Structure formats: structure tokens, C-alpha cells
Amino acid sequence: MGRIGIIDWGIGGIGVDRRLKEKFPLAAVTYFSDTGFTPYEKTTRRELASRLNDVLRFLEGRGVTQVVIGCNAASTVVEELRTGSLEVSGVIAPAIELAAKLKPTSLGMIAGRRTVVSGVYRRGLAARNIGVAQRIAQPLSGFIEGGDIDSAALHAEAKHILAPLKKCSHILLACTHYPAISGLLAKYVSPETKLIDPADAVVSKLSIEKSTQTNVDIFLTTGNAREMRRAAKAAWNIELRSAGNVRDI
């Protein structure tokens, strides 16, 4: 079996990597952070699909055989990607499936602007007869990407964003950054509200053969490797000792 690739613009997908390693500690992972590129939220659909296709070819050339697009914004174009021989999955379909299984009496969702505006969650949940109250929570990922998980400014943003959803039975965390601050988010919703982290559902879709696993992880970024290591430690309490830079893809 080849390597598993995880793609995100930043460190959000590290939450997916963490769950993957908890379940399959010997899985070989290549994590690709694309902070040197335009934020995925700010690209056109065509630009985003083109960039992801370039990253897929890069990873394929380095022994990756299946890829998780560990980013909701990027997952909105997963159907438009040229996957070739790669198995490619996003985070949106597993999240919708998980939310439906939980049978929420009232479902809220927080996500980035691109994810909300795309309507992909609203349509997918409506097909399962589930309505959803959506809130754009763009600032939260910026705080987390910078390694801030407990500042007064972050608390104020979370409180403001969650106020209309605080009495929902469930709130879907539709950005892989958000589970890094799930404890903080829980402070601003009802004690009965359940926060849904789709990471386990995403990992469950992967094809992993235990007998052929090798524990060699690679963390790459088109941005600043030192900043990636610092932010990952602050947000996820994970040491990325092997993180390195990618200059060209």
C-alpha cells in the first residue's frame, strides 16, 4: 500500500491526521499545507480546482496512492478534480452522512464563507430531510491558523458567531480547524448541544491495510515550515519535527 496524502491550505487537516494516526498508528502519511498559495477561500472555483490538481500530481509523484482533501473549502470542488490513479475523497460527504445518522432535532453549522455560500451542506442535508442553520465563522480559522486558541478576541468572535445557534441540538463543525477549539466553542452553546467533529467519519472512508503500514510521516508546506510547526504545536499539541518547505510543485 502507498502513502496517504492529506491536503489543506493550513493546519486544519492535522486534526484529520491525528485521528488517522490514533486509529492506524503505523499509517504512512504525507501532509501538504498550501499556505504559500492564495487562501482557498479567496480563489475562483477554476483556480482552486487547478491548484488542487497540481498538488495531487505532486503527491502522486511521491508515492501517495489515496488523498483526503482535509479542507471544506477545497472539498467543494472535489468532483471537478482530475484524480487519475489516486483515490481522492473530501470531508463534506462523510460529514453530511454523520450528521444524518445523529438525527438532530435542530442542526446548526459553522463554516468558512466559501463552504456556506456553495450550498453543498444545505443541499446534501435537505436531501435527507434535515434543515440546517448556517453561520459563516471565517475569523475562527484565522485565529487557529495563527496558533491562537484562547485569546479574548477569539472568545468574543466565537460568542458572536454561535449566539444564534446556541440552542441547537447539534452543531456541525464544517471546517477542520474548529475541533482544535471545541472546548472553547462549548462555552457559548447550551450544555445539551453536541458539537459534531467529522474527522472520524472522514478517516473511516479510507482503505488501509494494516499489514502493509509503515510509520514514516512527512509534513510539507509551501509556506513557512517554522510557523507551521509553531501553530501545530499551539493548536493541536503536535510536534511536527519533520516539517519542511516545498518551493515548487
C-alpha atoms as a PDB file:
ATOM      1  CA  MET A   1       0.000   0.000   0.000  1.00  0.00           C
ATOM      2  CA  GLY A   2       1.206   3.523  -0.788  1.00  0.00           C
ATOM      3  CA  ARG A   3       1.118   6.624   1.296  1.00  0.00           C
ATOM      4  CA  ILE A   4      -1.955   8.580   2.392  1.00  0.00           C
ATOM      5  CA  GLY A   5      -1.951  12.242   1.448  1.00  0.00           C
ATOM      6  CA  ILE A   6      -3.816  14.942   3.357  1.00  0.00           C
ATOM      7  CA  ILE A   7      -4.231  18.338   1.709  1.00  0.00           C
ATOM      8  CA  ASP A   8      -5.252  21.550   3.446  1.00  0.00           C
ATOM      9  CA  TRP A   9      -4.424  25.193   2.971  1.00  0.00           C
ATOM     10  CA  GLY A  10      -3.080  25.235   6.529  1.00  0.00           C
ATOM     11  CA  ILE A  11      -3.087  23.197   9.736  1.00  0.00           C
ATOM     12  CA  GLY A  12      -6.805  22.321   9.955  1.00  0.00           C
ATOM     13  CA  GLY A  13      -6.305  18.925   8.357  1.00  0.00           C
ATOM     14  CA  ILE A  14      -3.878  17.990  11.107  1.00  0.00           C
ATOM     15  CA  GLY A  15      -6.985  17.132  13.136  1.00  0.00           C
ATOM     16  CA  VAL A  16      -7.831  14.515  10.496  1.00  0.00           C
ATOM     17  CA  ASP A  17      -4.216  13.299  10.554  1.00  0.00           C
ATOM     18  CA  ARG A  18      -4.365  12.977  14.342  1.00  0.00           C
ATOM     19  CA  ARG A  19      -7.492  10.801  14.188  1.00  0.00           C
ATOM     20  CA  LEU A  20      -5.951   8.720  11.418  1.00  0.00           C
ATOM     21  CA  LYS A  21      -2.828   8.085  13.489  1.00  0.00           C
ATOM     22  CA  GLU A  22      -4.881   7.249  16.575  1.00  0.00           C
ATOM     23  CA  LYS A  23      -6.748   4.571  14.618  1.00  0.00           C
ATOM     24  CA  PHE A  24      -3.859   3.423  12.424  1.00  0.00           C
ATOM     25  CA  PRO A  25      -0.627   4.431  14.190  1.00  0.00           C
ATOM     26  CA  LEU A  26       1.607   2.886  11.540  1.00  0.00           C
ATOM     27  CA  ALA A  27      -0.057   4.507   8.526  1.00  0.00           C
ATOM     28  CA  ALA A  28       2.356   6.439   6.295  1.00  0.00           C
ATOM     29  CA  VAL A  29       1.097   9.998   5.820  1.00  0.00           C
ATOM     30  CA  THR A  30       2.251  12.870   3.636  1.00  0.00           C
ATOM     31  CA  TYR A  31       0.609  16.095   4.831  1.00  0.00           C
ATOM     32  CA  PHE A  32       0.564  19.023   2.415  1.00  0.00           C
ATOM     33  CA  SER A  33      -0.125  22.545   3.713  1.00  0.00           C
ATOM     34  CA  ASP A  34      -0.529  25.145   0.963  1.00  0.00           C
ATOM     35  CA  THR A  35      -0.135  28.414   2.884  1.00  0.00           C
ATOM     36  CA  GLY A  36       2.232  29.751   0.236  1.00  0.00           C
ATOM     37  CA  PHE A  37      -0.690  29.807  -2.195  1.00  0.00           C
ATOM     38  CA  THR A  38      -3.694  32.136  -2.221  1.00  0.00           C
ATOM     39  CA  PRO A  39      -6.107  31.138   0.592  1.00  0.00           C
ATOM     40  CA  TYR A  40      -8.505  28.596  -0.873  1.00  0.00           C
ATOM     41  CA  GLU A  41     -11.450  30.706   0.281  1.00  0.00           C
ATOM     42  CA  LYS A  42     -10.308  33.550  -1.989  1.00  0.00           C
ATOM     43  CA  THR A  43      -9.800  31.686  -5.264  1.00  0.00           C
ATOM     44  CA  THR A  44     -12.293  31.062  -8.056  1.00  0.00           C
ATOM     45  CA  ARG A  45     -13.588  27.518  -8.472  1.00  0.00           C
ATOM     46  CA  ARG A  46     -11.451  27.090 -11.572  1.00  0.00           C
ATOM     47  CA  GLU A  47      -8.317  28.366  -9.843  1.00  0.00           C
ATOM     48  CA  LEU A  48      -8.934  26.148  -6.835  1.00  0.00           C
ATOM     49  CA  ALA A  49      -9.516  23.001  -8.905  1.00  0.00           C
ATOM     50  CA  SER A  50      -6.421  23.749 -10.982  1.00  0.00           C
ATOM     51  CA  ARG A  51      -4.279  24.224  -7.888  1.00  0.00           C
ATOM     52  CA  LEU A  52      -5.541  21.047  -6.254  1.00  0.00           C
ATOM     53  CA  ASN A  53      -4.863  19.100  -9.455  1.00  0.00           C
ATOM     54  CA  ASP A  54      -1.258  20.336  -9.340  1.00  0.00           C
ATOM     55  CA  VAL A  55      -0.943  19.258  -5.707  1.00  0.00           C
ATOM     56  CA  LEU A  56      -2.446  15.840  -6.495  1.00  0.00           C
ATOM     57  CA  ARG A  57       0.135  15.264  -9.239  1.00  0.00           C
ATOM     58  CA  PHE A  58       2.893  16.370  -6.865  1.00  0.00           C
ATOM     59  CA  LEU A  59       1.776  13.893  -4.206  1.00  0.00           C
ATOM     60  CA  GLU A  60       1.230  11.105  -6.713  1.00  0.00           C
ATOM     61  CA  GLY A  61       4.834  11.507  -7.824  1.00  0.00           C
ATOM     62  CA  ARG A  62       5.946  10.936  -4.238  1.00  0.00           C
ATOM     63  CA  GLY A  63       4.257   7.608  -3.636  1.00  0.00           C
ATOM     64  CA  VAL A  64       0.834   8.775  -2.436  1.00  0.00           C
ATOM     65  CA  THR A  65      -1.984   6.471  -3.570  1.00  0.00           C
ATOM     66  CA  GLN A  66      -5.001   7.972  -1.797  1.00  0.00           C
ATOM     67  CA  VAL A  67      -5.720  11.532  -0.746  1.00  0.00           C
ATOM     68  CA  VAL A  68      -8.031  13.222   1.717  1.00  0.00           C
ATOM     69  CA  ILE A  69      -8.866  16.817   0.862  1.00  0.00           C
ATOM     70  CA  GLY A  70      -8.813  17.809   4.537  1.00  0.00           C
ATOM     71  CA  CYS A  71     -10.433  21.185   3.958  1.00  0.00           C
ATOM     72  CA  ASN A  72     -14.103  22.012   3.494  1.00  0.00           C
ATOM     73  CA  ALA A  73     -13.484  24.903   1.087  1.00  0.00           C
ATOM     74  CA  ALA A  74     -11.327  22.675  -1.135  1.00  0.00           C
ATOM     75  CA  SER A  75     -13.797  19.808  -0.814  1.00  0.00           C
ATOM     76  CA  THR A  76     -16.460  21.931  -2.544  1.00  0.00           C
ATOM     77  CA  VAL A  77     -14.647  21.236  -5.857  1.00  0.00           C
ATOM     78  CA  VAL A  78     -13.646  17.613  -5.242  1.00  0.00           C
ATOM     79  CA  GLU A  79     -15.970  16.395  -8.015  1.00  0.00           C
ATOM     80  CA  GLU A  80     -14.098  18.568 -10.521  1.00  0.00           C
ATOM     81  CA  LEU A  81     -10.625  17.163  -9.828  1.00  0.00           C
ATOM     82  CA  ARG A  82      -8.582  15.024 -12.198  1.00  0.00           C
ATOM     83  CA  THR A  83      -7.826  12.185  -9.812  1.00  0.00           C
ATOM     84  CA  GLY A  84      -6.069   9.829 -12.244  1.00  0.00           C
ATOM     85  CA  SER A  85      -4.986   6.694 -10.393  1.00  0.00           C
ATOM     86  CA  LEU A  86      -5.442   8.327  -6.993  1.00  0.00           C
ATOM     87  CA  GLU A  87      -8.314   7.604  -4.630  1.00  0.00           C
ATOM     88  CA  VAL A  88      -9.472  11.087  -3.635  1.00  0.00           C
ATOM     89  CA  SER A  89     -12.100  11.951  -1.038  1.00  0.00           C
ATOM     90  CA  GLY A  90     -13.201  15.133   0.668  1.00  0.00           C
ATOM     91  CA  VAL A  91     -14.596  15.920   4.092  1.00  0.00           C
ATOM     92  CA  ILE A  92     -18.091  17.075   3.129  1.00  0.00           C
ATOM     93  CA  ALA A  93     -19.831  13.816   2.159  1.00  0.00           C
ATOM     94  CA  PRO A  94     -18.724  11.974   5.347  1.00  0.00           C
ATOM     95  CA  ALA A  95     -19.795  14.964   7.460  1.00  0.00           C
ATOM     96  CA  ILE A  96     -23.275  15.024   5.916  1.00  0.00           C
ATOM     97  CA  GLU A  97     -23.611  11.264   6.380  1.00  0.00           C
ATOM     98  CA  LEU A  98     -22.563  11.519  10.037  1.00  0.00           C
ATOM     99  CA  ALA A  99     -24.917  14.422  10.772  1.00  0.00           C
ATOM    100  CA  ALA A 100     -27.815  12.494   9.237  1.00  0.00           C
ATOM    101  CA  LYS A 101     -27.058   9.435  11.372  1.00  0.00           C
ATOM    102  CA  LEU A 102     -27.200  11.532  14.538  1.00  0.00           C
ATOM    103  CA  LYS A 103     -30.790  12.597  13.732  1.00  0.00           C
ATOM    104  CA  PRO A 104     -30.544  16.151  15.105  1.00  0.00           C
ATOM    105  CA  THR A 105     -33.767  17.819  16.198  1.00  0.00           C
ATOM    106  CA  SER A 106     -32.210  21.168  15.280  1.00  0.00           C
ATOM    107  CA  LEU A 107     -28.927  21.376  13.393  1.00  0.00           C
ATOM    108  CA  GLY A 108     -26.587  24.327  13.259  1.00  0.00           C
ATOM    109  CA  MET A 109     -23.383  24.612  11.278  1.00  0.00           C
ATOM    110  CA  ILE A 110     -20.357  26.883  11.364  1.00  0.00           C
ATOM    111  CA  ALA A 111     -18.046  27.072   8.374  1.00  0.00           C
ATOM    112  CA  GLY A 112     -15.985  29.306   6.132  1.00  0.00           C
ATOM    113  CA  ARG A 113     -17.672  31.622   3.660  1.00  0.00           C
ATOM    114  CA  ARG A 114     -16.978  29.506   0.577  1.00  0.00           C
ATOM    115  CA  THR A 115     -18.415  26.397   2.216  1.00  0.00           C
ATOM    116  CA  VAL A 116     -21.616  28.153   3.283  1.00  0.00           C
ATOM    117  CA  VAL A 117     -22.150  30.058   0.034  1.00  0.00           C
ATOM    118  CA  SER A 118     -21.624  26.901  -2.045  1.00  0.00           C
ATOM    119  CA  GLY A 119     -24.804  25.461  -0.511  1.00  0.00           C
ATOM    120  CA  VAL A 120     -23.311  21.972  -0.608  1.00  0.00           C
ATOM    121  CA  TYR A 121     -24.200  21.175   3.005  1.00  0.00           C
ATOM    122  CA  ARG A 122     -27.658  22.697   2.769  1.00  0.00           C
ATOM    123  CA  ARG A 123     -28.479  20.644  -0.327  1.00  0.00           C
ATOM    124  CA  GLY A 124     -26.946  17.437   0.998  1.00  0.00           C
ATOM    125  CA  LEU A 125     -28.784  17.680   4.295  1.00  0.00           C
ATOM    126  CA  ALA A 126     -32.063  18.712   2.626  1.00  0.00           C
ATOM    127  CA  ALA A 127     -31.876  15.516   0.569  1.00  0.00           C
ATOM    128  CA  ARG A 128     -32.027  13.717   3.921  1.00  0.00           C
ATOM    129  CA  ASN A 129     -34.900  15.900   5.158  1.00  0.00           C
ATOM    130  CA  ILE A 130     -32.672  17.825   7.554  1.00  0.00           C
ATOM    131  CA  GLY A 131     -32.673  21.607   7.735  1.00  0.00           C
ATOM    132  CA  VAL A 132     -29.575  23.481   8.844  1.00  0.00           C
ATOM    133  CA  ALA A 133     -28.945  26.958  10.259  1.00  0.00           C
ATOM    134  CA  GLN A 134     -25.577  28.070   8.883  1.00  0.00           C
ATOM    135  CA  ARG A 135     -23.178  30.688  10.216  1.00  0.00           C
ATOM    136  CA  ILE A 136     -20.054  31.958   8.481  1.00  0.00           C
ATOM    137  CA  ALA A 137     -17.255  31.620  11.007  1.00  0.00           C
ATOM    138  CA  GLN A 138     -14.320  32.739   8.871  1.00  0.00           C
ATOM    139  CA  PRO A 139     -12.405  34.549  11.634  1.00  0.00           C
ATOM    140  CA  LEU A 140     -12.088  31.417  13.773  1.00  0.00           C
ATOM    141  CA  SER A 141      -9.823  29.552  11.365  1.00  0.00           C
ATOM    142  CA  GLY A 142      -7.576  32.598  11.107  1.00  0.00           C
ATOM    143  CA  PHE A 143      -7.040  32.644  14.872  1.00  0.00           C
ATOM    144  CA  ILE A 144      -6.313  28.906  14.958  1.00  0.00           C
ATOM    145  CA  GLU A 145      -4.008  29.058  11.936  1.00  0.00           C
ATOM    146  CA  GLY A 146      -2.005  31.623  13.861  1.00  0.00           C
ATOM    147  CA  GLY A 147      -1.781  29.347  16.902  1.00  0.00           C
ATOM    148  CA  ASP A 148      -4.322  31.346  18.942  1.00  0.00           C
ATOM    149  CA  ILE A 149      -6.784  29.058  20.722  1.00  0.00           C
ATOM    150  CA  ASP A 150      -7.724  31.060  23.826  1.00  0.00           C
ATOM    151  CA  SER A 151      -7.417  34.843  23.393  1.00  0.00           C
ATOM    152  CA  ALA A 152     -10.092  37.304  24.467  1.00  0.00           C
ATOM    153  CA  ALA A 153     -10.616  38.265  20.815  1.00  0.00           C
ATOM    154  CA  LEU A 154     -11.177  34.637  19.848  1.00  0.00           C
ATOM    155  CA  HIS A 155     -13.679  34.171  22.682  1.00  0.00           C
ATOM    156  CA  ALA A 156     -15.566  37.292  21.557  1.00  0.00           C
ATOM    157  CA  GLU A 157     -15.757  36.079  17.953  1.00  0.00           C
ATOM    158  CA  ALA A 158     -16.910  32.602  18.977  1.00  0.00           C
ATOM    159  CA  LYS A 159     -19.597  34.009  21.251  1.00  0.00           C
ATOM    160  CA  HIS A 160     -20.899  36.311  18.491  1.00  0.00           C
ATOM    161  CA  ILE A 161     -20.888  33.604  15.813  1.00  0.00           C
ATOM    162  CA  LEU A 162     -22.564  30.959  17.957  1.00  0.00           C
ATOM    163  CA  ALA A 163     -25.210  33.170  19.565  1.00  0.00           C
ATOM    164  CA  PRO A 164     -27.987  32.319  17.030  1.00  0.00           C
ATOM    165  CA  LEU A 165     -27.135  28.598  17.234  1.00  0.00           C
ATOM    166  CA  LYS A 166     -26.648  28.191  20.961  1.00  0.00           C
ATOM    167  CA  LYS A 167     -29.853  26.200  21.490  1.00  0.00           C
ATOM    168  CA  CYS A 168     -29.392  23.790  18.571  1.00  0.00           C
ATOM    169  CA  SER A 169     -29.328  20.104  19.485  1.00  0.00           C
ATOM    170  CA  HIS A 170     -26.217  19.651  17.311  1.00  0.00           C
ATOM    171  CA  ILE A 171     -23.698  21.962  15.643  1.00  0.00           C
ATOM    172  CA  LEU A 172     -21.615  20.662  12.759  1.00  0.00           C
ATOM    173  CA  LEU A 173     -18.033  21.923  12.739  1.00  0.00           C
ATOM    174  CA  ALA A 174     -17.666  22.295   8.976  1.00  0.00           C
ATOM    175  CA  CYS A 175     -14.058  23.445   8.998  1.00  0.00           C
ATOM    176  CA  THR A 176     -11.289  21.109  10.096  1.00  0.00           C
ATOM    177  CA  HIS A 177      -9.697  23.895  12.147  1.00  0.00           C
ATOM    178  CA  TYR A 178     -12.639  24.218  14.539  1.00  0.00           C
ATOM    179  CA  PRO A 179     -12.248  20.978  16.551  1.00  0.00           C
ATOM    180  CA  ALA A 180      -8.968  22.431  17.849  1.00  0.00           C
ATOM    181  CA  ILE A 181     -11.106  24.838  19.930  1.00  0.00           C
ATOM    182  CA  SER A 182     -14.107  22.604  20.632  1.00  0.00           C
ATOM    183  CA  GLY A 183     -13.754  23.180  24.375  1.00  0.00           C
ATOM    184  CA  LEU A 184     -13.917  26.940  23.864  1.00  0.00           C
ATOM    185  CA  LEU A 185     -16.878  26.664  21.475  1.00  0.00           C
ATOM    186  CA  ALA A 186     -18.788  24.569  24.011  1.00  0.00           C
ATOM    187  CA  LYS A 187     -18.732  27.506  26.429  1.00  0.00           C
ATOM    188  CA  TYR A 188     -21.028  29.516  24.151  1.00  0.00           C
ATOM    189  CA  VAL A 189     -23.762  26.973  23.445  1.00  0.00           C
ATOM    190  CA  SER A 190     -26.265  25.100  25.567  1.00  0.00           C
ATOM    191  CA  PRO A 191     -24.839  22.331  27.778  1.00  0.00           C
ATOM    192  CA  GLU A 192     -27.084  19.930  25.850  1.00  0.00           C
ATOM    193  CA  THR A 193     -25.703  20.957  22.453  1.00  0.00           C
ATOM    194  CA  LYS A 194     -23.459  18.363  20.821  1.00  0.00           C
ATOM    195  CA  LEU A 195     -20.613  19.540  18.607  1.00  0.00           C
ATOM    196  CA  ILE A 196     -20.050  17.288  15.588  1.00  0.00           C
ATOM    197  CA  ASP A 197     -16.436  16.705  14.551  1.00  0.00           C
ATOM    198  CA  PRO A 198     -16.491  14.711  11.281  1.00  0.00           C
ATOM    199  CA  ALA A 199     -12.824  13.607  11.497  1.00  0.00           C
ATOM    200  CA  ASP A 200     -13.633  10.001  12.487  1.00  0.00           C
ATOM    201  CA  ALA A 201     -16.175   9.725   9.676  1.00  0.00           C
ATOM    202  CA  VAL A 202     -13.591  11.026   7.196  1.00  0.00           C
ATOM    203  CA  VAL A 203     -10.963   8.520   8.350  1.00  0.00           C
ATOM    204  CA  SER A 204     -13.466   5.647   8.215  1.00  0.00           C
ATOM    205  CA  LYS A 205     -13.742   6.127   4.431  1.00  0.00           C
ATOM    206  CA  LEU A 206     -10.058   5.366   3.852  1.00  0.00           C
ATOM    207  CA  SER A 207      -8.816   1.993   2.622  1.00  0.00           C
ATOM    208  CA  ILE A 208      -5.993   0.980   4.944  1.00  0.00           C
ATOM    209  CA  GLU A 209      -4.316  -2.421   5.005  1.00  0.00           C
ATOM    210  CA  LYS A 210      -2.819  -2.895   8.437  1.00  0.00           C
ATOM    211  CA  SER A 211      -0.302  -5.491   7.281  1.00  0.00           C
ATOM    212  CA  THR A 212       1.434  -3.077   4.901  1.00  0.00           C
ATOM    213  CA  GLN A 213       1.661   0.043   7.052  1.00  0.00           C
ATOM    214  CA  THR A 214       4.935   1.847   7.654  1.00  0.00           C
ATOM    215  CA  ASN A 215       5.301   4.650  10.156  1.00  0.00           C
ATOM    216  CA  VAL A 216       7.065   7.337   8.117  1.00  0.00           C
ATOM    217  CA  ASP A 217       5.315  10.719   8.175  1.00  0.00           C
ATOM    218  CA  ILE A 218       6.177  13.714   6.022  1.00  0.00           C
ATOM    219  CA  PHE A 219       4.825  17.234   6.602  1.00  0.00           C
ATOM    220  CA  LEU A 220       5.276  19.714   3.768  1.00  0.00           C
ATOM    221  CA  THR A 221       4.250  23.322   3.302  1.00  0.00           C
ATOM    222  CA  THR A 222       4.500  25.863   0.511  1.00  0.00           C
ATOM    223  CA  GLY A 223       4.599  28.473   3.266  1.00  0.00           C
ATOM    224  CA  ASN A 224       6.801  28.838   6.335  1.00  0.00           C
ATOM    225  CA  ALA A 225       7.710  25.497   7.913  1.00  0.00           C
ATOM    226  CA  ARG A 226       8.728  27.106  11.198  1.00  0.00           C
ATOM    227  CA  GLU A 227       5.354  28.849  11.511  1.00  0.00           C
ATOM    228  CA  MET A 228       3.571  25.608  10.620  1.00  0.00           C
ATOM    229  CA  ARG A 229       5.413  23.775  13.424  1.00  0.00           C
ATOM    230  CA  ARG A 230       4.633  26.539  15.920  1.00  0.00           C
ATOM    231  CA  ALA A 231       0.934  26.710  15.038  1.00  0.00           C
ATOM    232  CA  ALA A 232       0.504  22.924  15.020  1.00  0.00           C
ATOM    233  CA  LYS A 233       2.002  22.713  18.499  1.00  0.00           C
ATOM    234  CA  ALA A 234      -0.205  25.520  19.818  1.00  0.00           C
ATOM    235  CA  ALA A 235      -3.458  24.355  18.204  1.00  0.00           C
ATOM    236  CA  TRP A 236      -3.134  20.558  18.190  1.00  0.00           C
ATOM    237  CA  ASN A 237      -0.284  19.926  20.663  1.00  0.00           C
ATOM    238  CA  ILE A 238       1.544  18.019  17.928  1.00  0.00           C
ATOM    239  CA  GLU A 239       5.275  18.261  17.261  1.00  0.00           C
ATOM    240  CA  LEU A 240       5.987  18.388  13.532  1.00  0.00           C
ATOM    241  CA  ARG A 241       9.703  17.743  13.772  1.00  0.00           C
ATOM    242  CA  SER A 242       9.941  16.689  10.131  1.00  0.00           C
ATOM    243  CA  ALA A 243       8.064  19.647   8.606  1.00  0.00           C
ATOM    244  CA  GLY A 244       9.782  21.052   5.523  1.00  0.00           C
ATOM    245  CA  ASN A 245       9.264  23.525   2.713  1.00  0.00           C
ATOM    246  CA  VAL A 246       8.138  22.889  -0.850  1.00  0.00           C
ATOM    247  CA  ARG A 247       9.449  25.549  -3.220  1.00  0.00           C
ATOM    248  CA  ASP A 248       7.778  24.450  -6.425  1.00  0.00           C
ATOM    249  CA  ILE A 249       5.088  21.989  -7.477  1.00  0.00           C
END
